[in-house]
Full PDB file with SEQRES, HELIX, SHEET, SSBOND, CRYST1, ORIGX, SCALE, CONECT and MASTER records, all heavy atoms in Angstrom:
SEQRES   1 A   43  SER ALA ARG THR PRO THR LEU VAL GLU ALA LEU LEU ALA          
SEQRES   2 A   43  GLY GLU ARG VAL LEU LEU VAL THR ASP ALA GLY MET PRO          
SEQRES   3 A   43  SER VAL SER ASP PRO GLY PHE ARG LEU VAL ALA ALA ALA          
SEQRES   4 A   43  VAL LEU GLU GLU                                              
HELIX    1 AA1 THR A    4  LEU A   12  1                                   9    
HELIX    2 AA2 PHE A   33  LEU A   41  1                                   9    
CRYST1    1.000    1.000    1.000  90.00  90.00  90.00 P 1           1          
ORIGX1      1.000000  0.000000  0.000000        0.00000                         
ORIGX2      0.000000  1.000000  0.000000        0.00000                         
ORIGX3      0.000000  0.000000  1.000000        0.00000                         
SCALE1      1.000000  0.000000  0.000000        0.00000                         
SCALE2      0.000000  1.000000  0.000000        0.00000                         
SCALE3      0.000000  0.000000  1.000000        0.00000                         
ATOM      1  N   SER A   1      92.069 131.609 -30.392  1.00  0.00           N  
ATOM      2  CA  SER A   1      90.698 132.116 -30.505  1.00  0.00           C  
ATOM      3  C   SER A   1      90.567 133.118 -31.649  1.00  0.00           C  
ATOM      4  O   SER A   1      89.596 133.087 -32.414  1.00  0.00           O  
ATOM      5  CB  SER A   1      90.269 132.775 -29.194  1.00  0.00           C  
ATOM      6  OG  SER A   1      90.189 131.823 -28.154  1.00  0.00           O  
ATOM      7  N   ALA A   2      91.548 134.019 -31.769  1.00  0.00           N  
ATOM      8  CA  ALA A   2      91.474 135.070 -32.780  1.00  0.00           C  
ATOM      9  C   ALA A   2      91.692 134.530 -34.188  1.00  0.00           C  
ATOM     10  O   ALA A   2      91.100 135.038 -35.151  1.00  0.00           O  
ATOM     11  CB  ALA A   2      92.495 136.164 -32.475  1.00  0.00           C  
ATOM     12  N   ARG A   3      92.537 133.505 -34.326  1.00  0.00           N  
ATOM     13  CA  ARG A   3      92.891 133.022 -35.666  1.00  0.00           C  
ATOM     14  C   ARG A   3      91.901 131.986 -36.195  1.00  0.00           C  
ATOM     15  O   ARG A   3      91.813 131.762 -37.397  1.00  0.00           O  
ATOM     16  CB  ARG A   3      94.306 132.459 -35.652  1.00  0.00           C  
ATOM     17  CG  ARG A   3      94.825 132.008 -37.008  1.00  0.00           C  
ATOM     18  CD  ARG A   3      96.275 132.348 -37.181  1.00  0.00           C  
ATOM     19  NE  ARG A   3      96.490 133.762 -37.460  1.00  0.00           N  
ATOM     20  CZ  ARG A   3      97.686 134.337 -37.497  1.00  0.00           C  
ATOM     21  NH1 ARG A   3      98.772 133.618 -37.268  1.00  0.00           N  
ATOM     22  NH2 ARG A   3      97.807 135.619 -37.753  1.00  0.00           N  
ATOM     23  N   THR A   4      91.163 131.343 -35.338  1.00  0.00           N  
ATOM     24  CA  THR A   4      90.246 130.301 -35.784  1.00  0.00           C  
ATOM     25  C   THR A   4      89.262 130.787 -36.856  1.00  0.00           C  
ATOM     26  O   THR A   4      89.092 130.111 -37.883  1.00  0.00           O  
ATOM     27  CB  THR A   4      89.486 129.701 -34.585  1.00  0.00           C  
ATOM     28  OG1 THR A   4      90.413 128.974 -33.765  1.00  0.00           O  
ATOM     29  CG2 THR A   4      88.383 128.750 -35.033  1.00  0.00           C  
ATOM     30  N   PRO A   5      88.597 131.940 -36.699  1.00  0.00           N  
ATOM     31  CA  PRO A   5      87.659 132.383 -37.745  1.00  0.00           C  
ATOM     32  C   PRO A   5      88.323 132.552 -39.110  1.00  0.00           C  
ATOM     33  O   PRO A   5      87.712 132.243 -40.140  1.00  0.00           O  
ATOM     34  CB  PRO A   5      87.144 133.721 -37.200  1.00  0.00           C  
ATOM     35  CG  PRO A   5      87.313 133.625 -35.728  1.00  0.00           C  
ATOM     36  CD  PRO A   5      88.580 132.858 -35.534  1.00  0.00           C  
ATOM     37  N   THR A   6      89.568 133.047 -39.146  1.00  0.00           N  
ATOM     38  CA  THR A   6      90.276 133.225 -40.415  1.00  0.00           C  
ATOM     39  C   THR A   6      90.520 131.888 -41.099  1.00  0.00           C  
ATOM     40  O   THR A   6      90.373 131.753 -42.323  1.00  0.00           O  
ATOM     41  CB  THR A   6      91.620 133.940 -40.174  1.00  0.00           C  
ATOM     42  OG1 THR A   6      91.379 135.189 -39.527  1.00  0.00           O  
ATOM     43  CG2 THR A   6      92.345 134.183 -41.484  1.00  0.00           C  
ATOM     44  N   LEU A   7      90.881 130.895 -40.307  1.00  0.00           N  
ATOM     45  CA  LEU A   7      91.127 129.564 -40.880  1.00  0.00           C  
ATOM     46  C   LEU A   7      89.820 128.927 -41.358  1.00  0.00           C  
ATOM     47  O   LEU A   7      89.810 128.226 -42.374  1.00  0.00           O  
ATOM     48  CB  LEU A   7      91.823 128.675 -39.848  1.00  0.00           C  
ATOM     49  CG  LEU A   7      93.258 129.098 -39.485  1.00  0.00           C  
ATOM     50  CD1 LEU A   7      93.803 128.243 -38.344  1.00  0.00           C  
ATOM     51  CD2 LEU A   7      94.174 129.001 -40.700  1.00  0.00           C  
ATOM     52  N   VAL A   8      88.746 129.161 -40.637  1.00  0.00           N  
ATOM     53  CA  VAL A   8      87.449 128.645 -41.086  1.00  0.00           C  
ATOM     54  C   VAL A   8      87.050 129.296 -42.410  1.00  0.00           C  
ATOM     55  O   VAL A   8      86.519 128.629 -43.314  1.00  0.00           O  
ATOM     56  CB  VAL A   8      86.367 128.871 -40.008  1.00  0.00           C  
ATOM     57  CG1 VAL A   8      84.981 128.530 -40.557  1.00  0.00           C  
ATOM     58  CG2 VAL A   8      86.659 128.025 -38.771  1.00  0.00           C  
ATOM     59  N   GLU A   9      87.326 130.574 -42.551  1.00  0.00           N  
ATOM     60  CA  GLU A   9      87.046 131.257 -43.819  1.00  0.00           C  
ATOM     61  C   GLU A   9      87.822 130.614 -44.965  1.00  0.00           C  
ATOM     62  O   GLU A   9      87.303 130.438 -46.068  1.00  0.00           O  
ATOM     63  CB  GLU A   9      87.408 132.746 -43.706  1.00  0.00           C  
ATOM     64  CG  GLU A   9      86.460 133.559 -42.852  1.00  0.00           C  
ATOM     65  CD  GLU A   9      86.905 135.009 -42.726  1.00  0.00           C  
ATOM     66  OE1 GLU A   9      87.874 135.389 -43.431  1.00  0.00           O  
ATOM     67  OE2 GLU A   9      86.295 135.753 -41.934  1.00  0.00           O  
ATOM     68  N   ALA A  10      89.074 130.290 -44.711  1.00  0.00           N  
ATOM     69  CA  ALA A  10      89.894 129.627 -45.737  1.00  0.00           C  
ATOM     70  C   ALA A  10      89.298 128.270 -46.109  1.00  0.00           C  
ATOM     71  O   ALA A  10      89.247 127.899 -47.290  1.00  0.00           O  
ATOM     72  CB  ALA A  10      91.329 129.463 -45.238  1.00  0.00           C  
ATOM     73  N   LEU A  11      88.831 127.546 -45.111  1.00  0.00           N  
ATOM     74  CA  LEU A  11      88.207 126.243 -45.366  1.00  0.00           C  
ATOM     75  C   LEU A  11      86.925 126.401 -46.180  1.00  0.00           C  
ATOM     76  O   LEU A  11      86.671 125.644 -47.123  1.00  0.00           O  
ATOM     77  CB  LEU A  11      87.923 125.539 -44.038  1.00  0.00           C  
ATOM     78  CG  LEU A  11      89.144 125.008 -43.278  1.00  0.00           C  
ATOM     79  CD1 LEU A  11      88.803 124.746 -41.816  1.00  0.00           C  
ATOM     80  CD2 LEU A  11      89.656 123.728 -43.947  1.00  0.00           C  
ATOM     81  N   LEU A  12      86.115 127.387 -45.815  1.00  0.00           N  
ATOM     82  CA  LEU A  12      84.867 127.615 -46.548  1.00  0.00           C  
ATOM     83  C   LEU A  12      85.133 128.072 -47.985  1.00  0.00           C  
ATOM     84  O   LEU A  12      84.282 127.877 -48.868  1.00  0.00           O  
ATOM     85  CB  LEU A  12      84.014 128.661 -45.815  1.00  0.00           C  
ATOM     86  CG  LEU A  12      83.414 128.205 -44.478  1.00  0.00           C  
ATOM     87  CD1 LEU A  12      82.764 129.374 -43.757  1.00  0.00           C  
ATOM     88  CD2 LEU A  12      82.399 127.082 -44.700  1.00  0.00           C  
ATOM     89  N   ALA A  13      86.309 128.650 -48.226  1.00  0.00           N  
ATOM     90  CA  ALA A  13      86.685 129.079 -49.578  1.00  0.00           C  
ATOM     91  C   ALA A  13      87.256 127.935 -50.400  1.00  0.00           C  
ATOM     92  O   ALA A  13      87.631 128.128 -51.564  1.00  0.00           O  
ATOM     93  CB  ALA A  13      87.694 130.216 -49.502  1.00  0.00           C  
ATOM     94  N   GLY A  14      87.322 126.742 -49.785  1.00  0.00           N  
ATOM     95  CA  GLY A  14      87.765 125.566 -50.534  1.00  0.00           C  
ATOM     96  C   GLY A  14      89.220 125.194 -50.329  1.00  0.00           C  
ATOM     97  O   GLY A  14      89.733 124.304 -51.017  1.00  0.00           O  
ATOM     98  N   GLU A  15      89.886 125.821 -49.379  1.00  0.00           N  
ATOM     99  CA  GLU A  15      91.311 125.533 -49.191  1.00  0.00           C  
ATOM    100  C   GLU A  15      91.530 124.340 -48.262  1.00  0.00           C  
ATOM    101  O   GLU A  15      90.707 124.040 -47.404  1.00  0.00           O  
ATOM    102  CB  GLU A  15      92.031 126.765 -48.655  1.00  0.00           C  
ATOM    103  CG  GLU A  15      92.050 127.920 -49.644  1.00  0.00           C  
ATOM    104  CD  GLU A  15      92.960 129.042 -49.201  1.00  0.00           C  
ATOM    105  OE1 GLU A  15      92.638 129.698 -48.184  1.00  0.00           O  
ATOM    106  OE2 GLU A  15      93.984 129.267 -49.868  1.00  0.00           O  
ATOM    107  N   ARG A  16      92.675 123.703 -48.461  1.00  0.00           N  
ATOM    108  CA  ARG A  16      93.078 122.564 -47.630  1.00  0.00           C  
ATOM    109  C   ARG A  16      93.979 123.116 -46.528  1.00  0.00           C  
ATOM    110  O   ARG A  16      95.070 123.632 -46.795  1.00  0.00           O  
ATOM    111  CB  ARG A  16      93.821 121.519 -48.461  1.00  0.00           C  
ATOM    112  CG  ARG A  16      94.054 120.187 -47.737  1.00  0.00           C  
ATOM    113  CD  ARG A  16      94.685 119.166 -48.684  1.00  0.00           C  
ATOM    114  NE  ARG A  16      94.737 117.842 -48.082  1.00  0.00           N  
ATOM    115  CZ  ARG A  16      93.775 116.942 -48.139  1.00  0.00           C  
ATOM    116  NH1 ARG A  16      92.645 117.241 -48.776  1.00  0.00           N  
ATOM    117  NH2 ARG A  16      93.902 115.754 -47.571  1.00  0.00           N  
ATOM    118  N   VAL A  17      93.500 123.029 -45.281  1.00  0.00           N  
ATOM    119  CA  VAL A  17      94.227 123.588 -44.147  1.00  0.00           C  
ATOM    120  C   VAL A  17      94.842 122.449 -43.343  1.00  0.00           C  
ATOM    121  O   VAL A  17      94.127 121.541 -42.894  1.00  0.00           O  
ATOM    122  CB  VAL A  17      93.298 124.438 -43.258  1.00  0.00           C  
ATOM    123  CG1 VAL A  17      94.049 124.930 -42.020  1.00  0.00           C  
ATOM    124  CG2 VAL A  17      92.738 125.618 -44.045  1.00  0.00           C  
ATOM    125  N   LEU A  18      96.135 122.523 -43.143  1.00  0.00           N  
ATOM    126  CA  LEU A  18      96.862 121.511 -42.374  1.00  0.00           C  
ATOM    127  C   LEU A  18      97.244 122.100 -41.024  1.00  0.00           C  
ATOM    128  O   LEU A  18      97.829 123.190 -40.954  1.00  0.00           O  
ATOM    129  CB  LEU A  18      98.120 121.080 -43.123  1.00  0.00           C  
ATOM    130  CG  LEU A  18      98.998 120.020 -42.441  1.00  0.00           C  
ATOM    131  CD1 LEU A  18      98.300 118.674 -42.416  1.00  0.00           C  
ATOM    132  CD2 LEU A  18     100.349 119.902 -43.144  1.00  0.00           C  
ATOM    133  N   LEU A  19      96.896 121.422 -39.944  1.00  0.00           N  
ATOM    134  CA  LEU A  19      97.222 121.883 -38.596  1.00  0.00           C  
ATOM    135  C   LEU A  19      98.268 120.957 -37.985  1.00  0.00           C  
ATOM    136  O   LEU A  19      98.072 119.740 -37.916  1.00  0.00           O  
ATOM    137  CB  LEU A  19      95.966 121.901 -37.727  1.00  0.00           C  
ATOM    138  CG  LEU A  19      96.162 122.286 -36.257  1.00  0.00           C  
ATOM    139  CD1 LEU A  19      96.730 123.686 -36.133  1.00  0.00           C  
ATOM    140  CD2 LEU A  19      94.844 122.179 -35.497  1.00  0.00           C  
ATOM    141  N   VAL A  20      99.382 121.551 -37.548  1.00  0.00           N  
ATOM    142  CA  VAL A  20     100.429 120.776 -36.876  1.00  0.00           C  
ATOM    143  C   VAL A  20     100.817 121.484 -35.583  1.00  0.00           C  
ATOM    144  O   VAL A  20     100.770 122.705 -35.490  1.00  0.00           O  
ATOM    145  CB  VAL A  20     101.679 120.595 -37.761  1.00  0.00           C  
ATOM    146  CG1 VAL A  20     101.378 119.735 -38.973  1.00  0.00           C  
ATOM    147  CG2 VAL A  20     102.265 121.935 -38.194  1.00  0.00           C  
ATOM    148  N   THR A  21     101.203 120.703 -34.592  1.00  0.00           N  
ATOM    149  CA  THR A  21     101.714 121.261 -33.347  1.00  0.00           C  
ATOM    150  C   THR A  21     103.173 120.847 -33.195  1.00  0.00           C  
ATOM    151  O   THR A  21     103.743 120.188 -34.070  1.00  0.00           O  
ATOM    152  CB  THR A  21     100.873 120.788 -32.151  1.00  0.00           C  
ATOM    153  OG1 THR A  21     100.803 119.350 -32.158  1.00  0.00           O  
ATOM    154  CG2 THR A  21      99.463 121.348 -32.229  1.00  0.00           C  
ATOM    155  N   ASP A  22     103.777 121.228 -32.080  1.00  0.00           N  
ATOM    156  CA  ASP A  22     105.204 120.963 -31.916  1.00  0.00           C  
ATOM    157  C   ASP A  22     105.523 119.475 -31.889  1.00  0.00           C  
ATOM    158  O   ASP A  22     106.584 119.050 -32.363  1.00  0.00           O  
ATOM    159  CB  ASP A  22     105.707 121.615 -30.623  1.00  0.00           C  
ATOM    160  CG  ASP A  22     105.701 123.132 -30.707  1.00  0.00           C  
ATOM    161  OD1 ASP A  22     105.567 123.657 -31.825  1.00  0.00           O  
ATOM    162  OD2 ASP A  22     105.838 123.782 -29.662  1.00  0.00           O  
ATOM    163  N   ALA A  23     104.640 118.682 -31.316  1.00  0.00           N  
ATOM    164  CA  ALA A  23     104.875 117.239 -31.222  1.00  0.00           C  
ATOM    165  C   ALA A  23     103.560 116.538 -30.931  1.00  0.00           C  
ATOM    166  O   ALA A  23     102.745 117.023 -30.156  1.00  0.00           O  
ATOM    167  CB  ALA A  23     105.881 116.931 -30.116  1.00  0.00           C  
ATOM    168  N   GLY A  24     103.357 115.392 -31.590  1.00  0.00           N  
ATOM    169  CA  GLY A  24     102.151 114.617 -31.338  1.00  0.00           C  
ATOM    170  C   GLY A  24     100.953 115.118 -32.122  1.00  0.00           C  
ATOM    171  O   GLY A  24     101.073 115.839 -33.114  1.00  0.00           O  
ATOM    172  N   MET A  25      99.767 114.728 -31.657  1.00  0.00           N  
ATOM    173  CA  MET A  25      98.523 115.018 -32.362  1.00  0.00           C  
ATOM    174  C   MET A  25      97.891 116.331 -31.900  1.00  0.00           C  
ATOM    175  O   MET A  25      97.718 116.543 -30.706  1.00  0.00           O  
ATOM    176  CB  MET A  25      97.523 113.880 -32.135  1.00  0.00           C  
ATOM    177  CG  MET A  25      96.165 114.096 -32.802  1.00  0.00           C  
ATOM    178  SD  MET A  25      96.238 114.205 -34.609  1.00  0.00           S  
ATOM    179  CE  MET A  25      96.587 112.490 -35.023  1.00  0.00           C  
ATOM    180  N   PRO A  26      97.561 117.239 -32.821  1.00  0.00           N  
ATOM    181  CA  PRO A  26      96.850 118.456 -32.450  1.00  0.00           C  
ATOM    182  C   PRO A  26      95.586 118.132 -31.659  1.00  0.00           C  
ATOM    183  O   PRO A  26      94.980 117.079 -31.844  1.00  0.00           O  
ATOM    184  CB  PRO A  26      96.509 119.085 -33.806  1.00  0.00           C  
ATOM    185  CG  PRO A  26      97.563 118.585 -34.730  1.00  0.00           C  
ATOM    186  CD  PRO A  26      97.838 117.172 -34.269  1.00  0.00           C  
ATOM    187  N   SER A  27      95.200 119.039 -30.772  1.00  0.00           N  
ATOM    188  CA  SER A  27      94.013 118.953 -29.914  1.00  0.00           C  
ATOM    189  C   SER A  27      94.260 118.182 -28.629  1.00  0.00           C  
ATOM    190  O   SER A  27      93.520 118.344 -27.661  1.00  0.00           O  
ATOM    191  CB  SER A  27      92.799 118.338 -30.631  1.00  0.00           C  
ATOM    192  OG  SER A  27      92.310 119.225 -31.607  1.00  0.00           O  
ATOM    193  N   VAL A  28      95.282 117.322 -28.591  1.00  0.00           N  
ATOM    194  CA  VAL A  28      95.551 116.540 -27.388  1.00  0.00           C  
ATOM    195  C   VAL A  28      96.550 117.312 -26.531  1.00  0.00           C  
ATOM    196  O   VAL A  28      97.757 117.237 -26.732  1.00  0.00           O  
ATOM    197  CB  VAL A  28      96.098 115.135 -27.724  1.00  0.00           C  
ATOM    198  CG1 VAL A  28      96.316 114.336 -26.440  1.00  0.00           C  
ATOM    199  CG2 VAL A  28      95.143 114.399 -28.649  1.00  0.00           C  
ATOM    200  N   SER A  29      96.030 118.119 -25.595  1.00  0.00           N  
ATOM    201  CA  SER A  29      96.830 119.032 -24.775  1.00  0.00           C  
ATOM    202  C   SER A  29      97.621 120.007 -25.637  1.00  0.00           C  
ATOM    203  O   SER A  29      98.672 120.508 -25.238  1.00  0.00           O  
ATOM    204  CB  SER A  29      97.784 118.250 -23.854  1.00  0.00           C  
ATOM    205  OG  SER A  29      97.116 117.821 -22.706  1.00  0.00           O  
ATOM    206  N   ASP A  30      97.151 120.272 -26.829  1.00  0.00           N  
ATOM    207  CA  ASP A  30      97.772 121.189 -27.776  1.00  0.00           C  
ATOM    208  C   ASP A  30      96.675 121.965 -28.488  1.00  0.00           C  
ATOM    209  O   ASP A  30      95.502 121.570 -28.459  1.00  0.00           O  
ATOM    210  CB  ASP A  30      98.607 120.423 -28.813  1.00  0.00           C  
ATOM    211  CG  ASP A  30     100.009 120.094 -28.310  1.00  0.00           C  
ATOM    212  OD1 ASP A  30     100.543 120.878 -27.503  1.00  0.00           O  
ATOM    213  OD2 ASP A  30     100.565 119.064 -28.725  1.00  0.00           O  
ATOM    214  N   PRO A  31      97.015 123.062 -29.169  1.00  0.00           N  
ATOM    215  CA  PRO A  31      95.996 123.787 -29.933  1.00  0.00           C  
ATOM    216  C   PRO A  31      95.305 122.894 -30.959  1.00  0.00           C  
ATOM    217  O   PRO A  31      95.912 121.968 -31.484  1.00  0.00           O  
ATOM    218  CB  PRO A  31      96.807 124.893 -30.625  1.00  0.00           C  
ATOM    219  CG  PRO A  31      98.008 125.075 -29.766  1.00  0.00           C  
ATOM    220  CD  PRO A  31      98.334 123.699 -29.250  1.00  0.00           C  
ATOM    221  N   GLY A  32      94.037 123.194 -31.236  1.00  0.00           N  
ATOM    222  CA  GLY A  32      93.318 122.436 -32.252  1.00  0.00           C  
ATOM    223  C   GLY A  32      91.846 122.264 -31.994  1.00  0.00           C  
ATOM    224  O   GLY A  32      91.045 122.271 -32.920  1.00  0.00           O  
ATOM    225  N   PHE A  33      91.477 122.113 -30.730  1.00  0.00           N  
ATOM    226  CA  PHE A  33      90.080 121.817 -30.424  1.00  0.00           C  
ATOM    227  C   PHE A  33      89.135 122.888 -30.962  1.00  0.00           C  
ATOM    228  O   PHE A  33      88.100 122.586 -31.552  1.00  0.00           O  
ATOM    229  CB  PHE A  33      89.873 121.644 -28.914  1.00  0.00           C  
ATOM    230  CG  PHE A  33      88.417 121.586 -28.521  1.00  0.00           C  
ATOM    231  CD1 PHE A  33      87.667 120.442 -28.770  1.00  0.00           C  
ATOM    232  CD2 PHE A  33      87.794 122.687 -27.951  1.00  0.00           C  
ATOM    233  CE1 PHE A  33      86.321 120.395 -28.432  1.00  0.00           C  
ATOM    234  CE2 PHE A  33      86.449 122.645 -27.610  1.00  0.00           C  
ATOM    235  CZ  PHE A  33      85.719 121.497 -27.851  1.00  0.00           C  
ATOM    236  N   ARG A  34      89.486 124.162 -30.749  1.00  0.00           N  
ATOM    237  CA  ARG A  34      88.602 125.238 -31.206  1.00  0.00           C  
ATOM    238  C   ARG A  34      88.393 125.191 -32.712  1.00  0.00           C  
ATOM    239  O   ARG A  34      87.281 125.393 -33.208  1.00  0.00           O  
ATOM    240  CB  ARG A  34      89.179 126.600 -30.799  1.00  0.00           C  
ATOM    241  CG  ARG A  34      89.101 126.916 -29.319  1.00  0.00           C  
ATOM    242  CD  ARG A  34      89.571 128.332 -29.041  1.00  0.00           C  
ATOM    243  NE  ARG A  34      89.464 128.692 -27.637  1.00  0.00           N  
ATOM    244  CZ  ARG A  34      90.407 128.467 -26.729  1.00  0.00           C  
ATOM    245  NH1 ARG A  34      91.534 127.865 -27.112  1.00  0.00           N  
ATOM    246  NH2 ARG A  34      90.239 128.817 -25.480  1.00  0.00           N  
ATOM    247  N   LEU A  35      89.453 124.942 -33.442  1.00  0.00           N  
ATOM    248  CA  LEU A  35      89.345 124.907 -34.900  1.00  0.00           C  
ATOM    249  C   LEU A  35      88.517 123.708 -35.354  1.00  0.00           C  
ATOM    250  O   LEU A  35      87.675 123.829 -36.255  1.00  0.00           O  
ATOM    251  CB  LEU A  35      90.736 124.861 -35.532  1.00  0.00           C  
ATOM    252  CG  LEU A  35      90.775 124.854 -37.058  1.00  0.00           C  
ATOM    253  CD1 LEU A  35      90.021 126.039 -37.644  1.00  0.00           C  
ATOM    254  CD2 LEU A  35      92.221 124.847 -37.552  1.00  0.00           C  
ATOM    255  N   VAL A  36      88.724 122.569 -34.735  1.00  0.00           N  
ATOM    256  CA  VAL A  36      87.942 121.379 -35.086  1.00  0.00           C  
ATOM    257  C   VAL A  36      86.468 121.619 -34.806  1.00  0.00           C  
ATOM    258  O   VAL A  36      85.602 121.332 -35.650  1.00  0.00           O  
ATOM    259  CB  VAL A  36      88.449 120.142 -34.318  1.00  0.00           C  
ATOM    260  CG1 VAL A  36      87.517 118.951 -34.554  1.00  0.00           C  
ATOM    261  CG2 VAL A  36      89.863 119.783 -34.752  1.00  0.00           C  
ATOM    262  N   ALA A  37      86.165 122.156 -33.627  1.00  0.00           N  
ATOM    263  CA  ALA A  37      84.771 122.405 -33.259  1.00  0.00           C  
ATOM    264  C   ALA A  37      84.129 123.387 -34.233  1.00  0.00           C  
ATOM    265  O   ALA A  37      82.970 123.203 -34.650  1.00  0.00           O  
ATOM    266  CB  ALA A  37      84.692 122.932 -31.830  1.00  0.00           C  
ATOM    267  N   ALA A  38      84.853 124.432 -34.617  1.00  0.00           N  
ATOM    268  CA  ALA A  38      84.311 125.427 -35.544  1.00  0.00           C  
ATOM    269  C   ALA A  38      84.098 124.825 -36.929  1.00  0.00           C  
ATOM    270  O   ALA A  38      83.100 125.119 -37.599  1.00  0.00           O  
ATOM    271  CB  ALA A  38      85.258 126.625 -35.630  1.00  0.00           C  
ATOM    272  N   ALA A  39      85.015 123.974 -37.354  1.00  0.00           N  
ATOM    273  CA  ALA A  39      84.878 123.332 -38.662  1.00  0.00           C  
ATOM    274  C   ALA A  39      83.682 122.380 -38.679  1.00  0.00           C  
ATOM    275  O   ALA A  39      82.923 122.319 -39.657  1.00  0.00           O  
ATOM    276  CB  ALA A  39      86.162 122.584 -39.016  1.00  0.00           C  
ATOM    277  N   VAL A  40      83.493 121.651 -37.607  1.00  0.00           N  
ATOM    278  CA  VAL A  40      82.362 120.717 -37.520  1.00  0.00           C  
ATOM    279  C   VAL A  40      81.044 121.481 -37.594  1.00  0.00           C  
ATOM    280  O   VAL A  40      80.088 121.042 -38.258  1.00  0.00           O  
ATOM    281  CB  VAL A  40      82.461 119.881 -36.227  1.00  0.00           C  
ATOM    282  CG1 VAL A  40      81.171 119.100 -35.985  1.00  0.00           C  
ATOM    283  CG2 VAL A  40      83.648 118.929 -36.293  1.00  0.00           C  
ATOM    284  N   LEU A  41      80.971 122.634 -36.924  1.00  0.00           N  
ATOM    285  CA  LEU A  41      79.748 123.446 -36.969  1.00  0.00           C  
ATOM    286  C   LEU A  41      79.422 123.891 -38.393  1.00  0.00           C  
ATOM    287  O   LEU A  41      78.256 124.037 -38.756  1.00  0.00           O  
ATOM    288  CB  LEU A  41      79.896 124.668 -36.063  1.00  0.00           C  
ATOM    289  CG  LEU A  41      79.742 124.435 -34.560  1.00  0.00           C  
ATOM    290  CD1 LEU A  41      80.033 125.720 -33.797  1.00  0.00           C  
ATOM    291  CD2 LEU A  41      78.342 123.921 -34.223  1.00  0.00           C  
ATOM    292  N   GLU A  42      80.447 124.097 -39.204  1.00  0.00           N  
ATOM    293  CA  GLU A  42      80.250 124.530 -40.591  1.00  0.00           C  
ATOM    294  C   GLU A  42      80.139 123.343 -41.547  1.00  0.00           C  
ATOM    295  O   GLU A  42      80.108 123.517 -42.767  1.00  0.00           O  
ATOM    296  CB  GLU A  42      81.414 125.431 -41.026  1.00  0.00           C  
ATOM    297  CG  GLU A  42      81.504 126.751 -40.279  1.00  0.00           C  
ATOM    298  CD  GLU A  42      80.387 127.706 -40.630  1.00  0.00           C  
ATOM    299  OE1 GLU A  42      79.667 127.444 -41.640  1.00  0.00           O  
ATOM    300  OE2 GLU A  42      80.211 128.708 -39.918  1.00  0.00           O  
ATOM    301  N   GLU A  43      80.093 122.134 -40.964  1.00  0.00           N  
ATOM    302  CA  GLU A  43      79.989 120.894 -41.748  1.00  0.00           C  
ATOM    303  C   GLU A  43      81.157 120.739 -42.729  1.00  0.00           C  
ATOM    304  O   GLU A  43      81.005 120.261 -43.850  1.00  0.00           O  
ATOM    305  CB  GLU A  43      78.645 120.827 -42.486  1.00  0.00           C  
ATOM    306  CG  GLU A  43      77.454 120.826 -41.538  1.00  0.00           C  
ATOM    307  CD  GLU A  43      76.125 120.647 -42.247  1.00  0.00           C  
ATOM    308  OE1 GLU A  43      76.101 120.758 -43.495  1.00  0.00           O  
ATOM    309  OE2 GLU A  43      75.122 120.377 -41.568  1.00  0.00           O  
TER     310      GLU A  43                                                      
MASTER        0    0    0    2    0    0    0    6  309    1    0    4          
END                                                                             
């Protein structure tokens, strides 16, 4: 929750942000949903 806004700022500044989890696809029972939702809101 705390780090998502910082990553969104990086995205809005034009940076390419790569999200990885320990195994498998992010957001599927792993961190990621909050960041995806926030990025979608910012188009």
